[in-house]
Amino acid sequence: MLKLQQPLDDIEAMGGLLPPFPKVILQLLDLLRDEEASMDMLARLVRHDPVISGNVLGIANHIRRLHAQSDLADPYAAASLIGINRLRKIVVTVGMNRFMGRGIGGDFFFHHSCAVAITSQEIGLMCDVSCDEAYISGILHDVGQLCFHVINESAFAQAYHQASMDGRLLERESELFGADHCEVGAKLAEFWYLPDNVVSAIRTHHDVTAPEGNLQAVVCLGETLARALDMPPSPKNRVLSINQPAVDMLGIQWDSPEMLDCFGRCRARFLQGAGC
């Protein structure tokens, strides 16, 4: 087990303590960067994973039953029916559930990650940001906290509880571990060869200064919105500040009809999917 005050130079050792990052997500991320990626390429990933295949078939057959049509048994036909964007989200969500569902961090961690994925994607839809990158960055935004659970779960839990009262989570993490979860998460993302834009969004999701770009602004505000909407419900969901430069960059008006609709979609999606 790693000791406290672990420098970021040992990120490979940290990564080695975590469950292997799902290969299917790395393959998917490669496809997302390939503009020529086809449904056939994504469907082949689905066929090789029974859990993902089951999710895809379940959603597709639910749609067909609404129209009094017979069930499908072919994952490719099912994937074609639900569409490439929904297929990508299923692959990422199932993969992250498998990665984080090893008793590390508990249910709140996973459902909070899903909530931020949803809010980031919904804000991104309004601001011409890639839906896929917003969703993936949102679901991965707190991945650095997994390391702290592995290094010293009780110390991190205490720091997290104290920070829920005063908002000093990043400072407490740095004091305990030599770095905060944003820094560690970004290093982990680099270690896993994730796209630079995703790495940057993970690194800056708690920033209060001007974001590097629209994706970073979206994920920063997605984190805030998930807590403001109390998704998932928890006394931990306190909003002590908001990144105003991110608001200005995206041109968001919180009281506009568009944002009120966004709030409703976020709540509905979270409740419908019990997280994602």
C-alpha atoms as a PDB file:
ATOM      1  CA  MET A   1       0.000   0.000   0.000  1.00  0.00           C
ATOM      2  CA  LEU A   2       1.225   3.448  -0.848  1.00  0.00           C
ATOM      3  CA  LYS A   3       2.104   5.868   1.925  1.00  0.00           C
ATOM      4  CA  LEU A   4       0.653   9.316   2.435  1.00  0.00           C
ATOM      5  CA  GLN A   5       2.346  12.238   0.701  1.00  0.00           C
ATOM      6  CA  GLN A   6       2.821  10.117  -2.415  1.00  0.00           C
ATOM      7  CA  PRO A   7       4.305  12.251  -5.220  1.00  0.00           C
ATOM      8  CA  LEU A   8       2.596  12.397  -8.603  1.00  0.00           C
ATOM      9  CA  ASP A   9       5.708  10.812 -10.130  1.00  0.00           C
ATOM     10  CA  ASP A  10       4.450   7.475  -8.787  1.00  0.00           C
ATOM     11  CA  ILE A  11       1.185   7.601 -10.693  1.00  0.00           C
ATOM     12  CA  GLU A  12       2.045   4.281 -12.350  1.00  0.00           C
ATOM     13  CA  ALA A  13       2.145   2.656  -8.902  1.00  0.00           C
ATOM     14  CA  MET A  14      -1.195   4.262  -8.065  1.00  0.00           C
ATOM     15  CA  GLY A  15      -2.704   3.003 -11.296  1.00  0.00           C
ATOM     16  CA  GLY A  16      -1.397  -0.450 -10.528  1.00  0.00           C
ATOM     17  CA  LEU A  17      -3.395  -0.566  -7.296  1.00  0.00           C
ATOM     18  CA  LEU A  18      -6.675   0.072  -9.072  1.00  0.00           C
ATOM     19  CA  PRO A  19      -8.667  -2.463 -11.076  1.00  0.00           C
ATOM     20  CA  PRO A  20      -7.576  -2.543 -14.736  1.00  0.00           C
ATOM     21  CA  PHE A  21      -9.199   0.213 -16.758  1.00  0.00           C
ATOM     22  CA  PRO A  22     -11.743  -1.490 -19.040  1.00  0.00           C
ATOM     23  CA  LYS A  23     -10.159  -2.162 -22.417  1.00  0.00           C
ATOM     24  CA  VAL A  24     -13.527  -1.679 -24.081  1.00  0.00           C
ATOM     25  CA  ILE A  25     -13.597   1.982 -22.994  1.00  0.00           C
ATOM     26  CA  LEU A  26     -10.084   2.609 -24.308  1.00  0.00           C
ATOM     27  CA  GLN A  27     -11.121   1.066 -27.619  1.00  0.00           C
ATOM     28  CA  LEU A  28     -14.243   3.190 -27.670  1.00  0.00           C
ATOM     29  CA  LEU A  29     -12.290   6.369 -26.967  1.00  0.00           C
ATOM     30  CA  ASP A  30     -10.000   5.542 -29.871  1.00  0.00           C
ATOM     31  CA  LEU A  31     -13.069   5.194 -32.086  1.00  0.00           C
ATOM     32  CA  LEU A  32     -14.476   8.503 -30.847  1.00  0.00           C
ATOM     33  CA  ARG A  33     -11.316  10.202 -32.090  1.00  0.00           C
ATOM     34  CA  ASP A  34     -11.706   8.511 -35.481  1.00  0.00           C
ATOM     35  CA  GLU A  35     -14.165  10.471 -37.624  1.00  0.00           C
ATOM     36  CA  GLU A  36     -14.465   7.454 -39.907  1.00  0.00           C
ATOM     37  CA  ALA A  37     -15.570   5.155 -37.075  1.00  0.00           C
ATOM     38  CA  SER A  38     -18.667   3.244 -38.136  1.00  0.00           C
ATOM     39  CA  MET A  39     -21.561   1.589 -36.377  1.00  0.00           C
ATOM     40  CA  ASP A  40     -20.108  -1.741 -37.471  1.00  0.00           C
ATOM     41  CA  MET A  41     -16.858  -1.066 -35.578  1.00  0.00           C
ATOM     42  CA  LEU A  42     -18.748  -0.123 -32.413  1.00  0.00           C
ATOM     43  CA  ALA A  43     -21.135  -3.058 -32.735  1.00  0.00           C
ATOM     44  CA  ARG A  44     -18.196  -5.456 -32.848  1.00  0.00           C
ATOM     45  CA  LEU A  45     -17.147  -4.162 -29.425  1.00  0.00           C
ATOM     46  CA  VAL A  46     -20.657  -4.813 -28.174  1.00  0.00           C
ATOM     47  CA  ARG A  47     -20.717  -8.384 -29.471  1.00  0.00           C
ATOM     48  CA  HIS A  48     -17.618  -9.245 -27.432  1.00  0.00           C
ATOM     49  CA  ASP A  49     -19.145  -8.129 -24.120  1.00  0.00           C
ATOM     50  CA  PRO A  50     -22.227  -9.995 -22.846  1.00  0.00           C
ATOM     51  CA  VAL A  51     -23.179  -7.314 -20.298  1.00  0.00           C
ATOM     52  CA  ILE A  52     -23.079  -4.524 -22.872  1.00  0.00           C
ATOM     53  CA  SER A  53     -24.908  -6.734 -25.387  1.00  0.00           C
ATOM     54  CA  GLY A  54     -27.633  -7.361 -22.823  1.00  0.00           C
ATOM     55  CA  ASN A  55     -28.056  -3.640 -22.169  1.00  0.00           C
ATOM     56  CA  VAL A  56     -28.223  -2.829 -25.871  1.00  0.00           C
ATOM     57  CA  LEU A  57     -30.748  -5.597 -26.586  1.00  0.00           C
ATOM     58  CA  GLY A  58     -32.839  -4.601 -23.576  1.00  0.00           C
ATOM     59  CA  ILE A  59     -33.168  -0.962 -24.688  1.00  0.00           C
ATOM     60  CA  ALA A  60     -33.786  -1.863 -28.320  1.00  0.00           C
ATOM     61  CA  ASN A  61     -36.455  -4.442 -27.474  1.00  0.00           C
ATOM     62  CA  HIS A  62     -38.172  -2.022 -25.119  1.00  0.00           C
ATOM     63  CA  ILE A  63     -38.500   0.379 -28.063  1.00  0.00           C
ATOM     64  CA  ARG A  64     -39.824  -2.393 -30.327  1.00  0.00           C
ATOM     65  CA  ARG A  65     -42.393  -3.549 -27.772  1.00  0.00           C
ATOM     66  CA  LEU A  66     -43.788  -0.016 -27.580  1.00  0.00           C
ATOM     67  CA  HIS A  67     -44.577  -0.439 -31.280  1.00  0.00           C
ATOM     68  CA  ALA A  68     -45.886  -4.012 -30.904  1.00  0.00           C
ATOM     69  CA  GLN A  69     -42.882  -5.438 -32.744  1.00  0.00           C
ATOM     70  CA  SER A  70     -41.086  -8.720 -32.029  1.00  0.00           C
ATOM     71  CA  ASP A  71     -37.880  -8.816 -29.972  1.00  0.00           C
ATOM     72  CA  LEU A  72     -34.430  -8.745 -31.534  1.00  0.00           C
ATOM     73  CA  ALA A  73     -31.695 -11.271 -30.736  1.00  0.00           C
ATOM     74  CA  ASP A  74     -28.876  -9.759 -32.796  1.00  0.00           C
ATOM     75  CA  PRO A  75     -26.768  -7.112 -30.957  1.00  0.00           C
ATOM     76  CA  TYR A  76     -25.824  -5.466 -34.255  1.00  0.00           C
ATOM     77  CA  ALA A  77     -29.455  -4.970 -35.280  1.00  0.00           C
ATOM     78  CA  ALA A  78     -30.209  -3.700 -31.772  1.00  0.00           C
ATOM     79  CA  ALA A  79     -27.275  -1.277 -31.868  1.00  0.00           C
ATOM     80  CA  SER A  80     -28.443   0.039 -35.231  1.00  0.00           C
ATOM     81  CA  LEU A  81     -31.890   0.662 -33.781  1.00  0.00           C
ATOM     82  CA  ILE A  82     -30.812   2.625 -30.701  1.00  0.00           C
ATOM     83  CA  GLY A  83     -28.227   4.704 -32.577  1.00  0.00           C
ATOM     84  CA  ILE A  84     -24.516   5.358 -32.305  1.00  0.00           C
ATOM     85  CA  ASN A  85     -24.684   7.998 -29.546  1.00  0.00           C
ATOM     86  CA  ARG A  86     -26.745   5.868 -27.189  1.00  0.00           C
ATOM     87  CA  LEU A  87     -24.509   2.894 -27.934  1.00  0.00           C
ATOM     88  CA  ARG A  88     -21.424   4.865 -26.929  1.00  0.00           C
ATOM     89  CA  LYS A  89     -23.024   5.921 -23.637  1.00  0.00           C
ATOM     90  CA  ILE A  90     -23.967   2.325 -22.807  1.00  0.00           C
ATOM     91  CA  VAL A  91     -20.420   1.123 -23.441  1.00  0.00           C
ATOM     92  CA  VAL A  92     -18.903   3.840 -21.262  1.00  0.00           C
ATOM     93  CA  THR A  93     -21.431   3.482 -18.446  1.00  0.00           C
ATOM     94  CA  VAL A  94     -21.209  -0.304 -18.233  1.00  0.00           C
ATOM     95  CA  GLY A  95     -17.429  -0.169 -18.407  1.00  0.00           C
ATOM     96  CA  MET A  96     -17.177   2.436 -15.656  1.00  0.00           C
ATOM     97  CA  ASN A  97     -19.665   0.549 -13.492  1.00  0.00           C
ATOM     98  CA  ARG A  98     -17.463  -2.532 -13.835  1.00  0.00           C
ATOM     99  CA  PHE A  99     -14.349  -0.477 -13.049  1.00  0.00           C
ATOM    100  CA  MET A 100     -15.765   1.321 -10.023  1.00  0.00           C
ATOM    101  CA  GLY A 101     -18.030  -1.438  -8.747  1.00  0.00           C
ATOM    102  CA  ARG A 102     -15.258  -3.243  -6.865  1.00  0.00           C
ATOM    103  CA  GLY A 103     -16.163  -1.848  -3.452  1.00  0.00           C
ATOM    104  CA  ILE A 104     -14.051   1.274  -4.051  1.00  0.00           C
ATOM    105  CA  GLY A 105     -15.754   4.512  -3.094  1.00  0.00           C
ATOM    106  CA  GLY A 106     -19.277   3.160  -2.660  1.00  0.00           C
ATOM    107  CA  ASP A 107     -22.511   3.762  -4.520  1.00  0.00           C
ATOM    108  CA  PHE A 108     -22.467   7.537  -4.045  1.00  0.00           C
ATOM    109  CA  PHE A 109     -19.233   7.841  -6.018  1.00  0.00           C
ATOM    110  CA  PHE A 110     -20.622   5.969  -9.016  1.00  0.00           C
ATOM    111  CA  HIS A 111     -24.020   7.684  -9.040  1.00  0.00           C
ATOM    112  CA  HIS A 112     -22.425  11.118  -8.588  1.00  0.00           C
ATOM    113  CA  SER A 113     -20.160  10.373 -11.562  1.00  0.00           C
ATOM    114  CA  CYS A 114     -23.203   9.394 -13.628  1.00  0.00           C
ATOM    115  CA  ALA A 115     -25.035  12.559 -12.559  1.00  0.00           C
ATOM    116  CA  VAL A 116     -22.138  14.768 -13.667  1.00  0.00           C
ATOM    117  CA  ALA A 117     -21.963  12.851 -16.967  1.00  0.00           C
ATOM    118  CA  ILE A 118     -25.648  13.640 -17.552  1.00  0.00           C
ATOM    119  CA  THR A 119     -25.479  17.310 -16.539  1.00  0.00           C
ATOM    120  CA  SER A 120     -22.290  17.862 -18.537  1.00  0.00           C
ATOM    121  CA  GLN A 121     -23.831  16.310 -21.618  1.00  0.00           C
ATOM    122  CA  GLU A 122     -27.042  18.317 -21.296  1.00  0.00           C
ATOM    123  CA  ILE A 123     -25.125  21.590 -20.899  1.00  0.00           C
ATOM    124  CA  GLY A 124     -22.905  20.550 -23.793  1.00  0.00           C
ATOM    125  CA  LEU A 125     -25.944  20.024 -26.019  1.00  0.00           C
ATOM    126  CA  MET A 126     -26.863  23.665 -25.463  1.00  0.00           C
ATOM    127  CA  CYS A 127     -23.341  24.944 -26.101  1.00  0.00           C
ATOM    128  CA  ASP A 128     -22.208  23.028 -29.208  1.00  0.00           C
ATOM    129  CA  VAL A 129     -19.828  20.754 -27.280  1.00  0.00           C
ATOM    130  CA  SER A 130     -19.288  17.106 -28.266  1.00  0.00           C
ATOM    131  CA  CYS A 131     -21.909  14.995 -26.485  1.00  0.00           C
ATOM    132  CA  ASP A 132     -19.519  12.060 -26.276  1.00  0.00           C
ATOM    133  CA  GLU A 133     -16.614  14.025 -24.823  1.00  0.00           C
ATOM    134  CA  ALA A 134     -18.888  15.792 -22.335  1.00  0.00           C
ATOM    135  CA  TYR A 135     -20.379  12.504 -21.128  1.00  0.00           C
ATOM    136  CA  ILE A 136     -17.059  10.670 -20.889  1.00  0.00           C
ATOM    137  CA  SER A 137     -15.314  13.575 -19.147  1.00  0.00           C
ATOM    138  CA  GLY A 138     -18.217  13.867 -16.718  1.00  0.00           C
ATOM    139  CA  ILE A 139     -18.270  10.216 -15.745  1.00  0.00           C
ATOM    140  CA  LEU A 140     -14.484  10.222 -15.253  1.00  0.00           C
ATOM    141  CA  HIS A 141     -14.160  13.603 -13.525  1.00  0.00           C
ATOM    142  CA  ASP A 142     -13.607  12.241  -9.982  1.00  0.00           C
ATOM    143  CA  VAL A 143     -11.577   9.176 -10.929  1.00  0.00           C
ATOM    144  CA  GLY A 144      -8.620  10.522  -8.924  1.00  0.00           C
ATOM    145  CA  GLN A 145     -10.575   9.944  -5.724  1.00  0.00           C
ATOM    146  CA  LEU A 146     -10.377   6.186  -6.326  1.00  0.00           C
ATOM    147  CA  CYS A 147      -6.653   6.339  -5.602  1.00  0.00           C
ATOM    148  CA  PHE A 148      -7.262   8.017  -2.270  1.00  0.00           C
ATOM    149  CA  HIS A 149      -9.745   5.296  -1.293  1.00  0.00           C
ATOM    150  CA  VAL A 150      -7.061   2.690  -2.030  1.00  0.00           C
ATOM    151  CA  ILE A 151      -4.180   4.548  -0.327  1.00  0.00           C
ATOM    152  CA  ASN A 152      -6.002   5.308   2.928  1.00  0.00           C
ATOM    153  CA  GLU A 153      -9.770   4.966   2.866  1.00  0.00           C
ATOM    154  CA  SER A 154     -10.408   6.119   6.437  1.00  0.00           C
ATOM    155  CA  ALA A 155      -8.207   9.224   6.123  1.00  0.00           C
ATOM    156  CA  PHE A 156      -9.872  10.214   2.870  1.00  0.00           C
ATOM    157  CA  ALA A 157     -13.355   9.608   4.287  1.00  0.00           C
ATOM    158  CA  GLN A 158     -12.572  11.899   7.214  1.00  0.00           C
ATOM    159  CA  ALA A 159     -11.178  14.603   4.931  1.00  0.00           C
ATOM    160  CA  TYR A 160     -14.226  14.308   2.671  1.00  0.00           C
ATOM    161  CA  HIS A 161     -16.596  14.644   5.616  1.00  0.00           C
ATOM    162  CA  GLN A 162     -14.784  17.711   6.943  1.00  0.00           C
ATOM    163  CA  ALA A 163     -14.726  19.274   3.487  1.00  0.00           C
ATOM    164  CA  SER A 164     -18.491  18.859   3.150  1.00  0.00           C
ATOM    165  CA  MET A 165     -18.738  21.507   5.867  1.00  0.00           C
ATOM    166  CA  ASP A 166     -16.163  24.026   4.688  1.00  0.00           C
ATOM    167  CA  GLY A 167     -15.574  23.248   0.996  1.00  0.00           C
ATOM    168  CA  ARG A 168     -11.803  22.723   1.436  1.00  0.00           C
ATOM    169  CA  LEU A 169     -11.626  19.268  -0.162  1.00  0.00           C
ATOM    170  CA  LEU A 170      -8.757  19.986  -2.559  1.00  0.00           C
ATOM    171  CA  GLU A 171      -6.640  21.579   0.181  1.00  0.00           C
ATOM    172  CA  ARG A 172      -7.250  18.666   2.550  1.00  0.00           C
ATOM    173  CA  GLU A 173      -6.388  16.134  -0.158  1.00  0.00           C
ATOM    174  CA  SER A 174      -3.140  17.936  -0.936  1.00  0.00           C
ATOM    175  CA  GLU A 175      -2.211  17.974   2.750  1.00  0.00           C
ATOM    176  CA  LEU A 176      -2.864  14.238   3.086  1.00  0.00           C
ATOM    177  CA  PHE A 177      -1.678  12.855  -0.230  1.00  0.00           C
ATOM    178  CA  GLY A 178       0.581  15.492  -1.742  1.00  0.00           C
ATOM    179  CA  ALA A 179      -1.891  16.230  -4.567  1.00  0.00           C
ATOM    180  CA  ASP A 180      -5.625  16.748  -5.007  1.00  0.00           C
ATOM    181  CA  HIS A 181      -7.974  14.408  -6.877  1.00  0.00           C
ATOM    182  CA  CYS A 182      -8.094  16.696  -9.930  1.00  0.00           C
ATOM    183  CA  GLU A 183      -4.319  16.429 -10.400  1.00  0.00           C
ATOM    184  CA  VAL A 184      -4.256  12.699  -9.710  1.00  0.00           C
ATOM    185  CA  GLY A 185      -7.251  12.065 -11.970  1.00  0.00           C
ATOM    186  CA  ALA A 186      -5.615  13.924 -14.841  1.00  0.00           C
ATOM    187  CA  LYS A 187      -2.403  11.950 -14.373  1.00  0.00           C
ATOM    188  CA  LEU A 188      -4.374   8.705 -14.332  1.00  0.00           C
ATOM    189  CA  ALA A 189      -6.143   9.755 -17.527  1.00  0.00           C
ATOM    190  CA  GLU A 190      -2.767  10.395 -19.164  1.00  0.00           C
ATOM    191  CA  PHE A 191      -1.510   7.034 -17.859  1.00  0.00           C
ATOM    192  CA  TRP A 192      -4.514   5.385 -19.551  1.00  0.00           C
ATOM    193  CA  TYR A 193      -3.842   7.327 -22.806  1.00  0.00           C
ATOM    194  CA  LEU A 194      -7.170   9.151 -22.724  1.00  0.00           C
ATOM    195  CA  PRO A 195      -7.696  12.125 -25.092  1.00  0.00           C
ATOM    196  CA  ASP A 196      -6.026  15.419 -24.124  1.00  0.00           C
ATOM    197  CA  ASN A 197      -9.354  17.246 -23.999  1.00  0.00           C
ATOM    198  CA  VAL A 198     -10.704  14.718 -21.477  1.00  0.00           C
ATOM    199  CA  VAL A 199      -7.505  14.947 -19.411  1.00  0.00           C
ATOM    200  CA  SER A 200      -7.841  18.728 -19.282  1.00  0.00           C
ATOM    201  CA  ALA A 201     -11.513  18.566 -18.282  1.00  0.00           C
ATOM    202  CA  ILE A 202     -10.687  16.212 -15.395  1.00  0.00           C
ATOM    203  CA  ARG A 203      -7.841  18.448 -14.235  1.00  0.00           C
ATOM    204  CA  THR A 204      -9.903  21.645 -14.201  1.00  0.00           C
ATOM    205  CA  HIS A 205     -13.373  20.559 -13.067  1.00  0.00           C
ATOM    206  CA  HIS A 206     -13.055  22.436  -9.744  1.00  0.00           C
ATOM    207  CA  ASP A 207     -11.314  25.512 -11.168  1.00  0.00           C
ATOM    208  CA  VAL A 208     -12.742  28.970 -10.514  1.00  0.00           C
ATOM    209  CA  THR A 209     -10.571  30.673 -13.153  1.00  0.00           C
ATOM    210  CA  ALA A 210     -11.306  30.957 -16.880  1.00  0.00           C
ATOM    211  CA  PRO A 211     -11.515  27.463 -18.447  1.00  0.00           C
ATOM    212  CA  GLU A 212      -9.190  26.375 -21.248  1.00  0.00           C
ATOM    213  CA  GLY A 213     -12.123  25.731 -23.578  1.00  0.00           C
ATOM    214  CA  ASN A 214     -15.811  24.933 -23.832  1.00  0.00           C
ATOM    215  CA  LEU A 215     -15.506  21.276 -22.779  1.00  0.00           C
ATOM    216  CA  GLN A 216     -13.666  22.269 -19.614  1.00  0.00           C
ATOM    217  CA  ALA A 217     -16.327  24.898 -18.879  1.00  0.00           C
ATOM    218  CA  VAL A 218     -19.114  22.365 -19.444  1.00  0.00           C
ATOM    219  CA  VAL A 219     -17.682  19.772 -17.047  1.00  0.00           C
ATOM    220  CA  CYS A 220     -16.909  22.394 -14.418  1.00  0.00           C
ATOM    221  CA  LEU A 221     -20.520  23.598 -14.489  1.00  0.00           C
ATOM    222  CA  GLY A 222     -21.815  20.025 -14.815  1.00  0.00           C
ATOM    223  CA  GLU A 223     -20.254  19.215 -11.431  1.00  0.00           C
ATOM    224  CA  THR A 224     -21.911  22.272  -9.892  1.00  0.00           C
ATOM    225  CA  LEU A 225     -25.302  21.568 -11.467  1.00  0.00           C
ATOM    226  CA  ALA A 226     -25.352  17.927 -10.320  1.00  0.00           C
ATOM    227  CA  ARG A 227     -24.880  19.067  -6.730  1.00  0.00           C
ATOM    228  CA  ALA A 228     -27.360  21.931  -7.070  1.00  0.00           C
ATOM    229  CA  LEU A 229     -30.004  19.469  -8.325  1.00  0.00           C
ATOM    230  CA  ASP A 230     -29.098  17.094  -5.453  1.00  0.00           C
ATOM    231  CA  MET A 231     -28.273  14.173  -7.754  1.00  0.00           C
ATOM    232  CA  PRO A 232     -27.876  11.719  -6.142  1.00  0.00           C
ATOM    233  CA  PRO A 233     -29.634  12.967  -2.990  1.00  0.00           C
ATOM    234  CA  SER A 234     -27.084  13.574  -0.248  1.00  0.00           C
ATOM    235  CA  PRO A 235     -26.193  16.116   2.468  1.00  0.00           C
ATOM    236  CA  LYS A 236     -22.799  16.218   0.728  1.00  0.00           C
ATOM    237  CA  ASN A 237     -24.348  18.182  -2.146  1.00  0.00           C
ATOM    238  CA  ARG A 238     -23.429  21.736  -1.228  1.00  0.00           C
ATOM    239  CA  VAL A 239     -22.666  24.469  -3.775  1.00  0.00           C
ATOM    240  CA  LEU A 240     -20.316  26.996  -2.192  1.00  0.00           C
ATOM    241  CA  SER A 241     -19.107  28.697  -5.382  1.00  0.00           C
ATOM    242  CA  ILE A 242     -19.581  28.746  -9.137  1.00  0.00           C
ATOM    243  CA  ASN A 243     -17.127  29.348 -11.957  1.00  0.00           C
ATOM    244  CA  GLN A 244     -18.446  32.611 -13.370  1.00  0.00           C
ATOM    245  CA  PRO A 245     -15.887  32.745 -16.214  1.00  0.00           C
ATOM    246  CA  ALA A 246     -17.231  29.342 -17.342  1.00  0.00           C
ATOM    247  CA  VAL A 247     -20.781  30.701 -17.225  1.00  0.00           C
ATOM    248  CA  ASP A 248     -19.727  33.716 -19.293  1.00  0.00           C
ATOM    249  CA  MET A 249     -17.769  31.589 -21.778  1.00  0.00           C
ATOM    250  CA  LEU A 250     -20.798  29.415 -22.515  1.00  0.00           C
ATOM    251  CA  GLY A 251     -23.287  32.285 -22.406  1.00  0.00           C
ATOM    252  CA  ILE A 252     -25.476  30.526 -19.846  1.00  0.00           C
ATOM    253  CA  GLN A 253     -28.433  32.300 -18.266  1.00  0.00           C
ATOM    254  CA  TRP A 254     -29.632  30.225 -15.317  1.00  0.00           C
ATOM    255  CA  ASP A 255     -33.189  31.595 -15.351  1.00  0.00           C
ATOM    256  CA  SER A 256     -33.743  31.171 -19.101  1.00  0.00           C
ATOM    257  CA  PRO A 257     -36.421  28.763 -20.402  1.00  0.00           C
ATOM    258  CA  GLU A 258     -33.659  26.710 -22.045  1.00  0.00           C
ATOM    259  CA  MET A 259     -31.881  26.174 -18.728  1.00  0.00           C
ATOM    260  CA  LEU A 260     -35.114  25.334 -16.921  1.00  0.00           C
ATOM    261  CA  ASP A 261     -35.746  22.683 -19.576  1.00  0.00           C
ATOM    262  CA  CYS A 262     -32.177  21.467 -19.069  1.00  0.00           C
ATOM    263  CA  PHE A 263     -32.781  21.062 -15.330  1.00  0.00           C
ATOM    264  CA  GLY A 264     -35.873  18.975 -16.042  1.00  0.00           C
ATOM    265  CA  ARG A 265     -34.085  16.725 -18.536  1.00  0.00           C
ATOM    266  CA  CYS A 266     -31.213  16.157 -16.126  1.00  0.00           C
ATOM    267  CA  ARG A 267     -33.545  15.124 -13.308  1.00  0.00           C
ATOM    268  CA  ALA A 268     -35.632  12.898 -15.590  1.00  0.00           C
ATOM    269  CA  ARG A 269     -32.606  11.138 -17.074  1.00  0.00           C
ATOM    270  CA  PHE A 270     -31.050  10.553 -13.681  1.00  0.00           C
ATOM    271  CA  LEU A 271     -34.228   9.134 -12.178  1.00  0.00           C
ATOM    272  CA  GLN A 272     -35.019   7.061 -15.256  1.00  0.00           C
ATOM    273  CA  GLY A 273     -31.603   5.471 -15.337  1.00  0.00           C
ATOM    274  CA  ALA A 274     -31.081   5.223 -11.567  1.00  0.00           C
ATOM    275  CA  GLY A 275     -27.861   7.134 -12.198  1.00  0.00           C
ATOM    276  CA  CYS A 276     -26.989   6.840 -15.900  1.00  0.00           C
END
